[in-house]
PDB file of N, CA and C in Angstrom:
ATOM      1  N   UNK A   1       4.810  29.047 -29.510  1.00  0.00           N
ATOM      2  CA  UNK A   1       5.008  27.823 -30.249  1.00  0.00           C
ATOM      3  C   UNK A   1       6.277  27.149 -29.744  1.00  0.00           C
ATOM      4  N   UNK A   2       6.201  25.858 -29.523  1.00  0.00           N
ATOM      5  CA  UNK A   2       7.356  25.111 -29.022  1.00  0.00           C
ATOM      6  C   UNK A   2       8.309  24.784 -30.151  1.00  0.00           C
ATOM      7  N   UNK A   3       9.597  24.755 -29.829  1.00  0.00           N
ATOM      8  CA  UNK A   3      10.599  24.336 -30.803  1.00  0.00           C
ATOM      9  C   UNK A   3      10.443  22.855 -31.084  1.00  0.00           C
ATOM     10  N   UNK A   4      10.800  22.473 -32.290  1.00  0.00           N
ATOM     11  CA  UNK A   4      10.792  21.051 -32.624  1.00  0.00           C
ATOM     12  C   UNK A   4      11.760  20.347 -31.685  1.00  0.00           C
ATOM     13  N   UNK A   5      11.406  19.170 -31.168  1.00  0.00           N
ATOM     14  CA  UNK A   5      12.247  18.512 -30.168  1.00  0.00           C
ATOM     15  C   UNK A   5      13.652  18.200 -30.665  1.00  0.00           C
ATOM     16  N   UNK A   6      13.829  17.963 -31.944  1.00  0.00           N
ATOM     17  CA  UNK A   6      15.159  17.592 -32.436  1.00  0.00           C
ATOM     18  C   UNK A   6      16.114  18.772 -32.509  1.00  0.00           C
ATOM     19  N   UNK A   7      15.600  19.997 -32.448  1.00  0.00           N
ATOM     20  CA  UNK A   7      16.466  21.161 -32.570  1.00  0.00           C
ATOM     21  C   UNK A   7      17.271  21.442 -31.312  1.00  0.00           C
ATOM     22  N   UNK A   8      16.716  21.140 -30.160  1.00  0.00           N
ATOM     23  CA  UNK A   8      17.386  21.467 -28.917  1.00  0.00           C
ATOM     24  C   UNK A   8      17.487  20.256 -28.005  1.00  0.00           C
ATOM     25  N   UNK A   9      17.427  19.095 -28.550  1.00  0.00           N
ATOM     26  CA  UNK A   9      17.516  17.882 -27.743  1.00  0.00           C
ATOM     27  C   UNK A   9      18.925  17.747 -27.179  1.00  0.00           C
ATOM     28  N   UNK A  10      19.031  17.221 -25.984  1.00  0.00           N
ATOM     29  CA  UNK A  10      20.367  16.991 -25.429  1.00  0.00           C
ATOM     30  C   UNK A  10      21.069  15.899 -26.234  1.00  0.00           C
ATOM     31  N   UNK A  11      22.380  15.811 -26.037  1.00  0.00           N
ATOM     32  CA  UNK A  11      23.118  14.730 -26.686  1.00  0.00           C
ATOM     33  C   UNK A  11      22.558  13.400 -26.221  1.00  0.00           C
ATOM     34  N   UNK A  12      22.626  12.384 -27.074  1.00  0.00           N
ATOM     35  CA  UNK A  12      22.139  11.069 -26.644  1.00  0.00           C
ATOM     36  C   UNK A  12      22.832  10.633 -25.361  1.00  0.00           C
ATOM     37  N   UNK A  13      22.120   9.861 -24.563  1.00  0.00           N
ATOM     38  CA  UNK A  13      22.719   9.414 -23.306  1.00  0.00           C
ATOM     39  C   UNK A  13      24.011   8.653 -23.611  1.00  0.00           C
ATOM     40  N   UNK A  14      24.988   8.846 -22.776  1.00  0.00           N
ATOM     41  CA  UNK A  14      26.267   8.175 -22.966  1.00  0.00           C
ATOM     42  C   UNK A  14      27.270   8.998 -23.755  1.00  0.00           C
ATOM     43  N   UNK A  15      26.855  10.143 -24.318  1.00  0.00           N
ATOM     44  CA  UNK A  15      27.792  10.982 -25.056  1.00  0.00           C
ATOM     45  C   UNK A  15      28.386  11.986 -24.072  1.00  0.00           C
ATOM     46  N   UNK A  16      29.621  11.754 -23.719  1.00  0.00           N
ATOM     47  CA  UNK A  16      30.314  12.612 -22.758  1.00  0.00           C
ATOM     48  C   UNK A  16      30.744  13.903 -23.429  1.00  0.00           C
ATOM     49  N   UNK A  17      31.128  14.867 -22.630  1.00  0.00           N
ATOM     50  CA  UNK A  17      31.571  16.155 -23.144  1.00  0.00           C
ATOM     51  C   UNK A  17      32.734  15.987 -24.103  1.00  0.00           C
ATOM     52  N   UNK A  18      33.690  15.113 -23.774  1.00  0.00           N
ATOM     53  CA  UNK A  18      34.829  14.921 -24.668  1.00  0.00           C
ATOM     54  C   UNK A  18      34.388  14.320 -25.996  1.00  0.00           C
ATOM     55  N   UNK A  19      33.374  13.497 -25.994  1.00  0.00           N
ATOM     56  CA  UNK A  19      32.841  12.957 -27.248  1.00  0.00           C
ATOM     57  C   UNK A  19      32.181  14.057 -28.067  1.00  0.00           C
ATOM     58  N   UNK A  20      31.488  14.952 -27.396  1.00  0.00           N
ATOM     59  CA  UNK A  20      30.861  16.083 -28.089  1.00  0.00           C
ATOM     60  C   UNK A  20      31.941  16.977 -28.694  1.00  0.00           C
ATOM     61  N   UNK A  21      33.031  17.184 -27.965  1.00  0.00           N
ATOM     62  CA  UNK A  21      34.144  17.990 -28.482  1.00  0.00           C
ATOM     63  C   UNK A  21      34.751  17.336 -29.724  1.00  0.00           C
ATOM     64  N   UNK A  22      34.937  16.031 -29.680  1.00  0.00           N
ATOM     65  CA  UNK A  22      35.495  15.301 -30.816  1.00  0.00           C
ATOM     66  C   UNK A  22      34.565  15.412 -32.016  1.00  0.00           C
ATOM     67  N   UNK A  23      33.285  15.239 -31.798  1.00  0.00           N
ATOM     68  CA  UNK A  23      32.305  15.333 -32.880  1.00  0.00           C
ATOM     69  C   UNK A  23      32.306  16.729 -33.487  1.00  0.00           C
ATOM     70  N   UNK A  24      32.370  17.741 -32.645  1.00  0.00           N
ATOM     71  CA  UNK A  24      32.393  19.121 -33.139  1.00  0.00           C
ATOM     72  C   UNK A  24      33.638  19.372 -33.991  1.00  0.00           C
ATOM     73  N   UNK A  25      34.782  18.857 -33.577  1.00  0.00           N
ATOM     74  CA  UNK A  25      36.012  19.029 -34.365  1.00  0.00           C
ATOM     75  C   UNK A  25      35.891  18.336 -35.714  1.00  0.00           C
ATOM     76  N   UNK A  26      35.255  17.185 -35.750  1.00  0.00           N
ATOM     77  CA  UNK A  26      35.106  16.469 -37.021  1.00  0.00           C
ATOM     78  C   UNK A  26      34.177  17.213 -37.970  1.00  0.00           C
ATOM     79  N   UNK A  27      33.140  17.815 -37.438  1.00  0.00           N
ATOM     80  CA  UNK A  27      32.275  18.625 -38.288  1.00  0.00           C
ATOM     81  C   UNK A  27      32.994  19.892 -38.732  1.00  0.00           C
ATOM     82  N   UNK A  28      33.772  20.475 -37.847  1.00  0.00           N
ATOM     83  CA  UNK A  28      34.471  21.718 -38.170  1.00  0.00           C
ATOM     84  C   UNK A  28      35.433  21.530 -39.336  1.00  0.00           C
ATOM     85  N   UNK A  29      36.058  20.384 -39.431  1.00  0.00           N
ATOM     86  CA  UNK A  29      37.010  20.164 -40.523  1.00  0.00           C
ATOM     87  C   UNK A  29      36.297  20.178 -41.877  1.00  0.00           C
ATOM     88  N   UNK A  30      35.043  19.817 -41.894  1.00  0.00           N
ATOM     89  CA  UNK A  30      34.271  19.824 -43.140  1.00  0.00           C
ATOM     90  C   UNK A  30      33.629  21.185 -43.411  1.00  0.00           C
ATOM     91  N   UNK A  31      33.774  22.127 -42.488  1.00  0.00           N
ATOM     92  CA  UNK A  31      33.147  23.438 -42.644  1.00  0.00           C
ATOM     93  C   UNK A  31      33.950  24.385 -43.530  1.00  0.00           C
ATOM     94  N   UNK A  32      35.153  24.018 -43.897  1.00  0.00           N
ATOM     95  CA  UNK A  32      35.988  24.849 -44.755  1.00  0.00           C
ATOM     96  C   UNK A  32      35.640  24.578 -46.222  1.00  0.00           C
ATOM     97  N   UNK A  33      35.360  25.615 -47.021  1.00  0.00           N
ATOM     98  CA  UNK A  33      34.964  25.399 -48.418  1.00  0.00           C
ATOM     99  C   UNK A  33      35.993  24.630 -49.252  1.00  0.00           C
ATOM    100  N   UNK A  34      37.274  24.898 -49.058  1.00  0.00           N
ATOM    101  CA  UNK A  34      38.301  24.171 -49.825  1.00  0.00           C
ATOM    102  C   UNK A  34      38.298  22.694 -49.472  1.00  0.00           C
ATOM    103  N   UNK A  35      38.228  22.396 -48.174  1.00  0.00           N
ATOM    104  CA  UNK A  35      38.207  20.985 -47.762  1.00  0.00           C
ATOM    105  C   UNK A  35      36.937  20.305 -48.236  1.00  0.00           C
ATOM    106  N   UNK A  36      35.837  21.022 -48.216  1.00  0.00           N
ATOM    107  CA  UNK A  36      34.579  20.444 -48.675  1.00  0.00           C
ATOM    108  C   UNK A  36      34.651  20.116 -50.170  1.00  0.00           C
ATOM    109  N   UNK A  37      35.234  21.014 -50.957  1.00  0.00           N
ATOM    110  CA  UNK A  37      35.400  20.735 -52.392  1.00  0.00           C
ATOM    111  C   UNK A  37      36.316  19.536 -52.611  1.00  0.00           C
ATOM    112  N   UNK A  38      37.354  19.408 -51.794  1.00  0.00           N
ATOM    113  CA  UNK A  38      38.262  18.261 -51.895  1.00  0.00           C
ATOM    114  C   UNK A  38      37.509  16.968 -51.584  1.00  0.00           C
ATOM    115  N   UNK A  39      36.716  16.987 -50.538  1.00  0.00           N
ATOM    116  CA  UNK A  39      35.954  15.790 -50.168  1.00  0.00           C
ATOM    117  C   UNK A  39      35.016  15.395 -51.304  1.00  0.00           C
ATOM    118  N   UNK A  40      34.310  16.367 -51.870  1.00  0.00           N
ATOM    119  CA  UNK A  40      33.416  16.052 -52.991  1.00  0.00           C
ATOM    120  C   UNK A  40      34.198  15.512 -54.193  1.00  0.00           C
ATOM    121  N   UNK A  41      35.369  16.060 -54.466  1.00  0.00           N
ATOM    122  CA  UNK A  41      36.186  15.557 -55.577  1.00  0.00           C
ATOM    123  C   UNK A  41      36.576  14.106 -55.336  1.00  0.00           C
ATOM    124  N   UNK A  42      36.950  13.775 -54.107  1.00  0.00           N
ATOM    125  CA  UNK A  42      37.314  12.397 -53.793  1.00  0.00           C
ATOM    126  C   UNK A  42      36.105  11.468 -53.817  1.00  0.00           C
ATOM    127  N   UNK A  43      34.963  11.982 -53.411  1.00  0.00           N
ATOM    128  CA  UNK A  43      33.748  11.168 -53.484  1.00  0.00           C
ATOM    129  C   UNK A  43      33.405  10.831 -54.932  1.00  0.00           C
ATOM    130  N   UNK A  44      33.585  11.799 -55.815  1.00  0.00           N
ATOM    131  CA  UNK A  44      33.250  11.592 -57.225  1.00  0.00           C
ATOM    132  C   UNK A  44      34.341  10.858 -57.994  1.00  0.00           C
ATOM    133  N   UNK A  45      35.598  11.135 -57.673  1.00  0.00           N
ATOM    134  CA  UNK A  45      36.704  10.597 -58.455  1.00  0.00           C
ATOM    135  C   UNK A  45      37.375   9.376 -57.885  1.00  0.00           C
ATOM    136  N   UNK A  46      37.043   8.997 -56.668  1.00  0.00           N
ATOM    137  CA  UNK A  46      37.736   7.883 -56.036  1.00  0.00           C
ATOM    138  C   UNK A  46      39.120   8.304 -55.586  1.00  0.00           C
ATOM    139  N   UNK A  47      40.006   7.342 -55.452  1.00  0.00           N
ATOM    140  CA  UNK A  47      41.366   7.627 -54.994  1.00  0.00           C
ATOM    141  C   UNK A  47      42.081   8.515 -56.007  1.00  0.00           C
ATOM    142  N   UNK A  48      42.758   9.536 -55.477  1.00  0.00           N
ATOM    143  CA  UNK A  48      43.447  10.500 -56.334  1.00  0.00           C
ATOM    144  C   UNK A  48      44.755  10.922 -55.673  1.00  0.00           C
ATOM    145  N   UNK A  49      45.737  11.277 -56.503  1.00  0.00           N
ATOM    146  CA  UNK A  49      46.974  11.857 -55.981  1.00  0.00           C
ATOM    147  C   UNK A  49      46.766  13.360 -55.801  1.00  0.00           C
ATOM    148  N   UNK A  50      47.700  13.993 -55.103  1.00  0.00           N
ATOM    149  CA  UNK A  50      47.561  15.422 -54.780  1.00  0.00           C
ATOM    150  C   UNK A  50      47.375  16.268 -56.029  1.00  0.00           C
ATOM    151  N   UNK A  51      48.156  16.006 -57.067  1.00  0.00           N
ATOM    152  CA  UNK A  51      48.055  16.839 -58.269  1.00  0.00           C
ATOM    153  C   UNK A  51      46.688  16.706 -58.934  1.00  0.00           C
ATOM    154  N   UNK A  52      46.117  15.511 -58.925  1.00  0.00           N
ATOM    155  CA  UNK A  52      44.780  15.328 -59.503  1.00  0.00           C
ATOM    156  C   UNK A  52      43.709  16.020 -58.667  1.00  0.00           C
ATOM    157  N   UNK A  53      43.841  15.930 -57.344  1.00  0.00           N
ATOM    158  CA  UNK A  53      42.882  16.614 -56.463  1.00  0.00           C
ATOM    159  C   UNK A  53      42.986  18.118 -56.676  1.00  0.00           C
ATOM    160  N   UNK A  54      44.215  18.634 -56.717  1.00  0.00           N
ATOM    161  CA  UNK A  54      44.431  20.075 -56.900  1.00  0.00           C
ATOM    162  C   UNK A  54      43.788  20.555 -58.199  1.00  0.00           C
ATOM    163  N   UNK A  55      43.961  19.795 -59.263  1.00  0.00           N
ATOM    164  CA  UNK A  55      43.367  20.176 -60.545  1.00  0.00           C
ATOM    165  C   UNK A  55      41.836  20.129 -60.474  1.00  0.00           C
ATOM    166  N   UNK A  56      41.308  19.137 -59.787  1.00  0.00           N
ATOM    167  CA  UNK A  56      39.856  18.973 -59.698  1.00  0.00           C
ATOM    168  C   UNK A  56      39.195  20.111 -58.934  1.00  0.00           C
ATOM    169  N   UNK A  57      39.891  20.669 -57.940  1.00  0.00           N
ATOM    170  CA  UNK A  57      39.284  21.707 -57.104  1.00  0.00           C
ATOM    171  C   UNK A  57      39.864  23.092 -57.364  1.00  0.00           C
ATOM    172  N   UNK A  58      40.750  23.181 -58.352  1.00  0.00           N
ATOM    173  CA  UNK A  58      41.336  24.457 -58.756  1.00  0.00           C
ATOM    174  C   UNK A  58      42.082  25.156 -57.614  1.00  0.00           C
ATOM    175  N   UNK A  59      42.928  24.376 -56.937  1.00  0.00           N
ATOM    176  CA  UNK A  59      43.797  24.890 -55.884  1.00  0.00           C
ATOM    177  C   UNK A  59      45.230  24.539 -56.231  1.00  0.00           C
ATOM    178  N   UNK A  60      46.174  25.232 -55.662  1.00  0.00           N
ATOM    179  CA  UNK A  60      47.563  24.866 -55.825  1.00  0.00           C
ATOM    180  C   UNK A  60      47.853  23.556 -55.105  1.00  0.00           C
ATOM    181  N   UNK A  61      48.895  22.880 -55.541  1.00  0.00           N
ATOM    182  CA  UNK A  61      49.228  21.591 -54.925  1.00  0.00           C
ATOM    183  C   UNK A  61      49.611  21.737 -53.463  1.00  0.00           C
ATOM    184  N   UNK A  62      50.321  22.796 -53.106  1.00  0.00           N
ATOM    185  CA  UNK A  62      50.718  22.994 -51.715  1.00  0.00           C
ATOM    186  C   UNK A  62      49.491  23.196 -50.829  1.00  0.00           C
ATOM    187  N   UNK A  63      48.574  24.047 -51.262  1.00  0.00           N
ATOM    188  CA  UNK A  63      47.350  24.290 -50.493  1.00  0.00           C
ATOM    189  C   UNK A  63      46.512  23.019 -50.397  1.00  0.00           C
ATOM    190  N   UNK A  64      46.443  22.268 -51.490  1.00  0.00           N
ATOM    191  CA  UNK A  64      45.686  21.019 -51.496  1.00  0.00           C
ATOM    192  C   UNK A  64      46.292  20.019 -50.534  1.00  0.00           C
ATOM    193  N   UNK A  65      47.615  19.895 -50.572  1.00  0.00           N
ATOM    194  CA  UNK A  65      48.309  18.982 -49.673  1.00  0.00           C
ATOM    195  C   UNK A  65      48.059  19.353 -48.214  1.00  0.00           C
ATOM    196  N   UNK A  66      48.083  20.630 -47.924  1.00  0.00           N
ATOM    197  CA  UNK A  66      47.826  21.118 -46.563  1.00  0.00           C
ATOM    198  C   UNK A  66      46.411  20.745 -46.112  1.00  0.00           C
ATOM    199  N   UNK A  67      45.436  20.956 -46.974  1.00  0.00           N
ATOM    200  CA  UNK A  67      44.048  20.633 -46.626  1.00  0.00           C
ATOM    201  C   UNK A  67      43.841  19.119 -46.513  1.00  0.00           C
ATOM    202  N   UNK A  68      44.494  18.353 -47.377  1.00  0.00           N
ATOM    203  CA  UNK A  68      44.391  16.897 -47.284  1.00  0.00           C
ATOM    204  C   UNK A  68      44.972  16.386 -45.974  1.00  0.00           C
ATOM    205  N   UNK A  69      46.045  17.010 -45.502  1.00  0.00           N
ATOM    206  CA  UNK A  69      46.628  16.614 -44.218  1.00  0.00           C
ATOM    207  C   UNK A  69      45.636  16.837 -43.083  1.00  0.00           C
ATOM    208  N   UNK A  70      44.904  17.952 -43.122  1.00  0.00           N
ATOM    209  CA  UNK A  70      43.889  18.208 -42.105  1.00  0.00           C
ATOM    210  C   UNK A  70      42.755  17.191 -42.188  1.00  0.00           C
ATOM    211  N   UNK A  71      42.340  16.884 -43.405  1.00  0.00           N
ATOM    212  CA  UNK A  71      41.278  15.889 -43.584  1.00  0.00           C
ATOM    213  C   UNK A  71      41.730  14.511 -43.113  1.00  0.00           C
ATOM    214  N   UNK A  72      42.982  14.175 -43.378  1.00  0.00           N
ATOM    215  CA  UNK A  72      43.518  12.879 -42.938  1.00  0.00           C
ATOM    216  C   UNK A  72      43.599  12.834 -41.416  1.00  0.00           C
ATOM    217  N   UNK A  73      44.050  13.915 -40.791  1.00  0.00           N
ATOM    218  CA  UNK A  73      44.144  13.961 -39.330  1.00  0.00           C
ATOM    219  C   UNK A  73      42.775  13.810 -38.672  1.00  0.00           C
ATOM    220  N   UNK A  74      41.737  14.286 -39.338  1.00  0.00           N
ATOM    221  CA  UNK A  74      40.389  14.190 -38.785  1.00  0.00           C
ATOM    222  C   UNK A  74      39.766  12.812 -38.993  1.00  0.00           C
ATOM    223  N   UNK A  75      40.374  12.020 -39.859  1.00  0.00           N
ATOM    224  CA  UNK A  75      39.826  10.691 -40.137  1.00  0.00           C
ATOM    225  C   UNK A  75      38.872  10.654 -41.310  1.00  0.00           C
ATOM    226  N   UNK A  76      38.630  11.789 -41.961  1.00  0.00           N
ATOM    227  CA  UNK A  76      37.707  11.820 -43.102  1.00  0.00           C
ATOM    228  C   UNK A  76      38.347  11.236 -44.352  1.00  0.00           C
ATOM    229  N   UNK A  77      39.671  11.348 -44.442  1.00  0.00           N
ATOM    230  CA  UNK A  77      40.411  10.906 -45.622  1.00  0.00           C
ATOM    231  C   UNK A  77      41.508   9.946 -45.185  1.00  0.00           C
ATOM    232  N   UNK A  78      41.738   8.930 -45.995  1.00  0.00           N
ATOM    233  CA  UNK A  78      42.836   7.987 -45.763  1.00  0.00           C
ATOM    234  C   UNK A  78      43.840   8.144 -46.895  1.00  0.00           C
ATOM    235  N   UNK A  79      45.072   7.781 -46.636  1.00  0.00           N
ATOM    236  CA  UNK A  79      46.102   7.909 -47.664  1.00  0.00           C
ATOM    237  C   UNK A  79      46.858   6.594 -47.823  1.00  0.00           C
ATOM    238  N   UNK A  80      47.463   6.462 -48.994  1.00  0.00           N
ATOM    239  CA  UNK A  80      48.236   5.260 -49.320  1.00  0.00           C
ATOM    240  C   UNK A  80      49.376   5.677 -50.233  1.00  0.00           C
ATOM    241  N   UNK A  81      50.583   5.226 -49.902  1.00  0.00           N
ATOM    242  CA  UNK A  81      51.734   5.536 -50.741  1.00  0.00           C
ATOM    243  C   UNK A  81      51.765   4.550 -51.910  1.00  0.00           C
ATOM    244  N   UNK A  82      51.901   5.117 -53.107  1.00  0.00           N
ATOM    245  CA  UNK A  82      52.054   4.326 -54.336  1.00  0.00           C
ATOM    246  C   UNK A  82      53.299   4.838 -55.036  1.00  0.00           C
ATOM    247  N   UNK A  83      54.411   4.159 -54.796  1.00  0.00           N
ATOM    248  CA  UNK A  83      55.675   4.634 -55.337  1.00  0.00           C
ATOM    249  C   UNK A  83      56.047   5.943 -54.675  1.00  0.00           C
ATOM    250  N   UNK A  84      56.242   6.985 -55.482  1.00  0.00           N
ATOM    251  CA  UNK A  84      56.622   8.293 -54.950  1.00  0.00           C
ATOM    252  C   UNK A  84      55.422   9.175 -54.627  1.00  0.00           C
ATOM    253  N   UNK A  85      54.237   8.715 -54.953  1.00  0.00           N
ATOM    254  CA  UNK A  85      53.043   9.534 -54.744  1.00  0.00           C
ATOM    255  C   UNK A  85      52.219   9.010 -53.574  1.00  0.00           C
ATOM    256  N   UNK A  86      51.484   9.922 -52.976  1.00  0.00           N
ATOM    257  CA  UNK A  86      50.513   9.548 -51.955  1.00  0.00           C
ATOM    258  C   UNK A  86      49.131   9.754 -52.555  1.00  0.00           C
ATOM    259  N   UNK A  87      48.327   8.732 -52.474  1.00  0.00           N
ATOM    260  CA  UNK A  87      46.967   8.785 -53.003  1.00  0.00           C
ATOM    261  C   UNK A  87      45.996   8.874 -51.841  1.00  0.00           C
ATOM    262  N   UNK A  88      44.959   9.658 -52.047  1.00  0.00           N
ATOM    263  CA  UNK A  88      43.974   9.919 -51.006  1.00  0.00           C
ATOM    264  C   UNK A  88      42.619   9.393 -51.440  1.00  0.00           C
ATOM    265  N   UNK A  89      41.851   8.965 -50.452  1.00  0.00           N
ATOM    266  CA  UNK A  89      40.483   8.496 -50.691  1.00  0.00           C
ATOM    267  C   UNK A  89      39.659   8.816 -49.456  1.00  0.00           C
ATOM    268  N   UNK A  90      38.360   8.797 -49.622  1.00  0.00           N
ATOM    269  CA  UNK A  90      37.464   8.990 -48.486  1.00  0.00           C
ATOM    270  C   UNK A  90      37.605   7.770 -47.580  1.00  0.00           C
ATOM    271  N   UNK A  91      37.768   8.008 -46.300  1.00  0.00           N
ATOM    272  CA  UNK A  91      38.043   6.920 -45.357  1.00  0.00           C
ATOM    273  C   UNK A  91      36.801   6.138 -44.973  1.00  0.00           C
ATOM    274  N   UNK A  92      35.642   6.751 -45.088  1.00  0.00           N
ATOM    275  CA  UNK A  92      34.437   6.142 -44.557  1.00  0.00           C
ATOM    276  C   UNK A  92      33.234   6.555 -45.398  1.00  0.00           C
ATOM    277  N   UNK A  93      32.408   5.614 -45.760  1.00  0.00           N
ATOM    278  CA  UNK A  93      31.223   5.902 -46.567  1.00  0.00           C
ATOM    279  C   UNK A  93      30.246   6.822 -45.847  1.00  0.00           C
ATOM    280  N   UNK A  94      30.356   6.921 -44.532  1.00  0.00           N
ATOM    281  CA  UNK A  94      29.455   7.796 -43.795  1.00  0.00           C
ATOM    282  C   UNK A  94      29.689   9.269 -44.109  1.00  0.00           C
ATOM    283  N   UNK A  95      30.859   9.608 -44.615  1.00  0.00           N
ATOM    284  CA  UNK A  95      31.135  10.993 -44.997  1.00  0.00           C
ATOM    285  C   UNK A  95      30.150  11.433 -46.070  1.00  0.00           C
ATOM    286  N   UNK A  96      29.935  10.587 -47.074  1.00  0.00           N
ATOM    287  CA  UNK A  96      28.962  10.910 -48.126  1.00  0.00           C
ATOM    288  C   UNK A  96      27.564  11.065 -47.533  1.00  0.00           C
ATOM    289  N   UNK A  97      27.199  10.177 -46.654  1.00  0.00           N
ATOM    290  CA  UNK A  97      25.876  10.242 -46.035  1.00  0.00           C
ATOM    291  C   UNK A  97      25.683  11.562 -45.283  1.00  0.00           C
ATOM    292  N   UNK A  98      26.681  11.951 -44.502  1.00  0.00           N
ATOM    293  CA  UNK A  98      26.592  13.218 -43.774  1.00  0.00           C
ATOM    294  C   UNK A  98      26.426  14.397 -44.720  1.00  0.00           C
ATOM    295  N   UNK A  99      27.226  14.423 -45.779  1.00  0.00           N
ATOM    296  CA  UNK A  99      27.151  15.537 -46.716  1.00  0.00           C
ATOM    297  C   UNK A  99      25.848  15.530 -47.502  1.00  0.00           C
ATOM    298  N   UNK A 100      25.373  14.352 -47.878  1.00  0.00           N
ATOM    299  CA  UNK A 100      24.098  14.270 -48.592  1.00  0.00           C
ATOM    300  C   UNK A 100      22.945  14.785 -47.733  1.00  0.00           C
ATOM    301  N   UNK A 101      22.924  14.386 -46.473  1.00  0.00           N
ATOM    302  CA  UNK A 101      21.857  14.837 -45.574  1.00  0.00           C
ATOM    303  C   UNK A 101      21.954  16.348 -45.363  1.00  0.00           C
ATOM    304  N   UNK A 102      23.170  16.848 -45.137  1.00  0.00           N
ATOM    305  CA  UNK A 102      23.350  18.288 -44.930  1.00  0.00           C
ATOM    306  C   UNK A 102      22.949  19.075 -46.172  1.00  0.00           C
ATOM    307  N   UNK A 103      23.365  18.609 -47.338  1.00  0.00           N
ATOM    308  CA  UNK A 103      23.036  19.316 -48.577  1.00  0.00           C
ATOM    309  C   UNK A 103      21.527  19.308 -48.812  1.00  0.00           C
ATOM    310  N   UNK A 104      20.908  18.178 -48.593  1.00  0.00           N
ATOM    311  CA  UNK A 104      19.459  18.091 -48.784  1.00  0.00           C
ATOM    312  C   UNK A 104      18.736  19.032 -47.821  1.00  0.00           C
ATOM    313  N   UNK A 105      19.206  19.074 -46.593  1.00  0.00           N
ATOM    314  CA  UNK A 105      18.535  19.875 -45.581  1.00  0.00           C
ATOM    315  C   UNK A 105      18.793  21.371 -45.746  1.00  0.00           C
ATOM    316  N   UNK A 106      20.024  21.749 -45.993  1.00  0.00           N
ATOM    317  CA  UNK A 106      20.369  23.165 -45.987  1.00  0.00           C
ATOM    318  C   UNK A 106      20.413  23.817 -47.358  1.00  0.00           C
ATOM    319  N   UNK A 107      20.647  23.056 -48.408  1.00  0.00           N
ATOM    320  CA  UNK A 107      20.765  23.667 -49.728  1.00  0.00           C
ATOM    321  C   UNK A 107      19.499  23.564 -50.561  1.00  0.00           C
ATOM    322  N   UNK A 108      18.659  22.607 -50.253  1.00  0.00           N
ATOM    323  CA  UNK A 108      17.462  22.400 -51.065  1.00  0.00           C
ATOM    324  C   UNK A 108      16.453  23.527 -50.886  1.00  0.00           C
ATOM    325  N   UNK A 109      16.308  24.010 -49.666  1.00  0.00           N
ATOM    326  CA  UNK A 109      15.312  25.042 -49.393  1.00  0.00           C
ATOM    327  C   UNK A 109      15.957  26.181 -48.614  1.00  0.00           C
ATOM    328  N   UNK A 110      16.204  27.305 -49.286  1.00  0.00           N
ATOM    329  CA  UNK A 110      16.769  28.455 -48.554  1.00  0.00           C
ATOM    330  C   UNK A 110      15.819  28.892 -47.431  1.00  0.00           C
ATOM    331  N   UNK A 111      16.399  29.305 -46.327  1.00  0.00           N
ATOM    332  CA  UNK A 111      15.607  29.740 -45.181  1.00  0.00           C
ATOM    333  C   UNK A 111      15.895  31.212 -44.902  1.00  0.00           C
ATOM    334  N   UNK A 112      14.956  31.864 -44.269  1.00  0.00           N
ATOM    335  CA  UNK A 112      15.164  33.267 -43.886  1.00  0.00           C
ATOM    336  C   UNK A 112      16.401  33.350 -43.013  1.00  0.00           C
ATOM    337  N   UNK A 113      17.245  34.313 -43.300  1.00  0.00           N
ATOM    338  CA  UNK A 113      18.454  34.496 -42.505  1.00  0.00           C
ATOM    339  C   UNK A 113      19.655  33.747 -43.036  1.00  0.00           C
ATOM    340  N   UNK A 114      19.469  32.863 -44.020  1.00  0.00           N
ATOM    341  CA  UNK A 114      20.609  32.158 -44.611  1.00  0.00           C
ATOM    342  C   UNK A 114      21.464  33.138 -45.392  1.00  0.00           C
ATOM    343  N   UNK A 115      22.741  32.935 -45.346  1.00  0.00           N
ATOM    344  CA  UNK A 115      23.672  33.761 -46.107  1.00  0.00           C
ATOM    345  C   UNK A 115      23.710  33.241 -47.526  1.00  0.00           C
ATOM    346  N   UNK A 116      23.497  34.113 -48.538  1.00  0.00           N
ATOM    347  CA  UNK A 116      23.482  33.639 -49.928  1.00  0.00           C
ATOM    348  C   UNK A 116      24.837  33.183 -50.393  1.00  0.00           C
TER     349      UNK A 116
END
């Protein structure tokens, strides 16, 4: 039986190796459970300061700040200074789309070999 063409298709034409590396790094930043919970909190709550994000995801403020810095460096999250606080928000609506598609595909129907 042949594999479905979308499973092993080459990168679209024009996607150079460095572009593939960049794309892989952007996906990797979302592969961490703490960062993923932070992203979902920001998607649901809108712009939030570090203490609000930390409370929403049940992490310490230092750990939350560290993860937000990684998300900001990847471009998934944007920040804005408001007085003495820095507020974070999702930088791009496509983040929700990516997570919705991934959740629908991977969480809706468990597959053989999936880790529970």
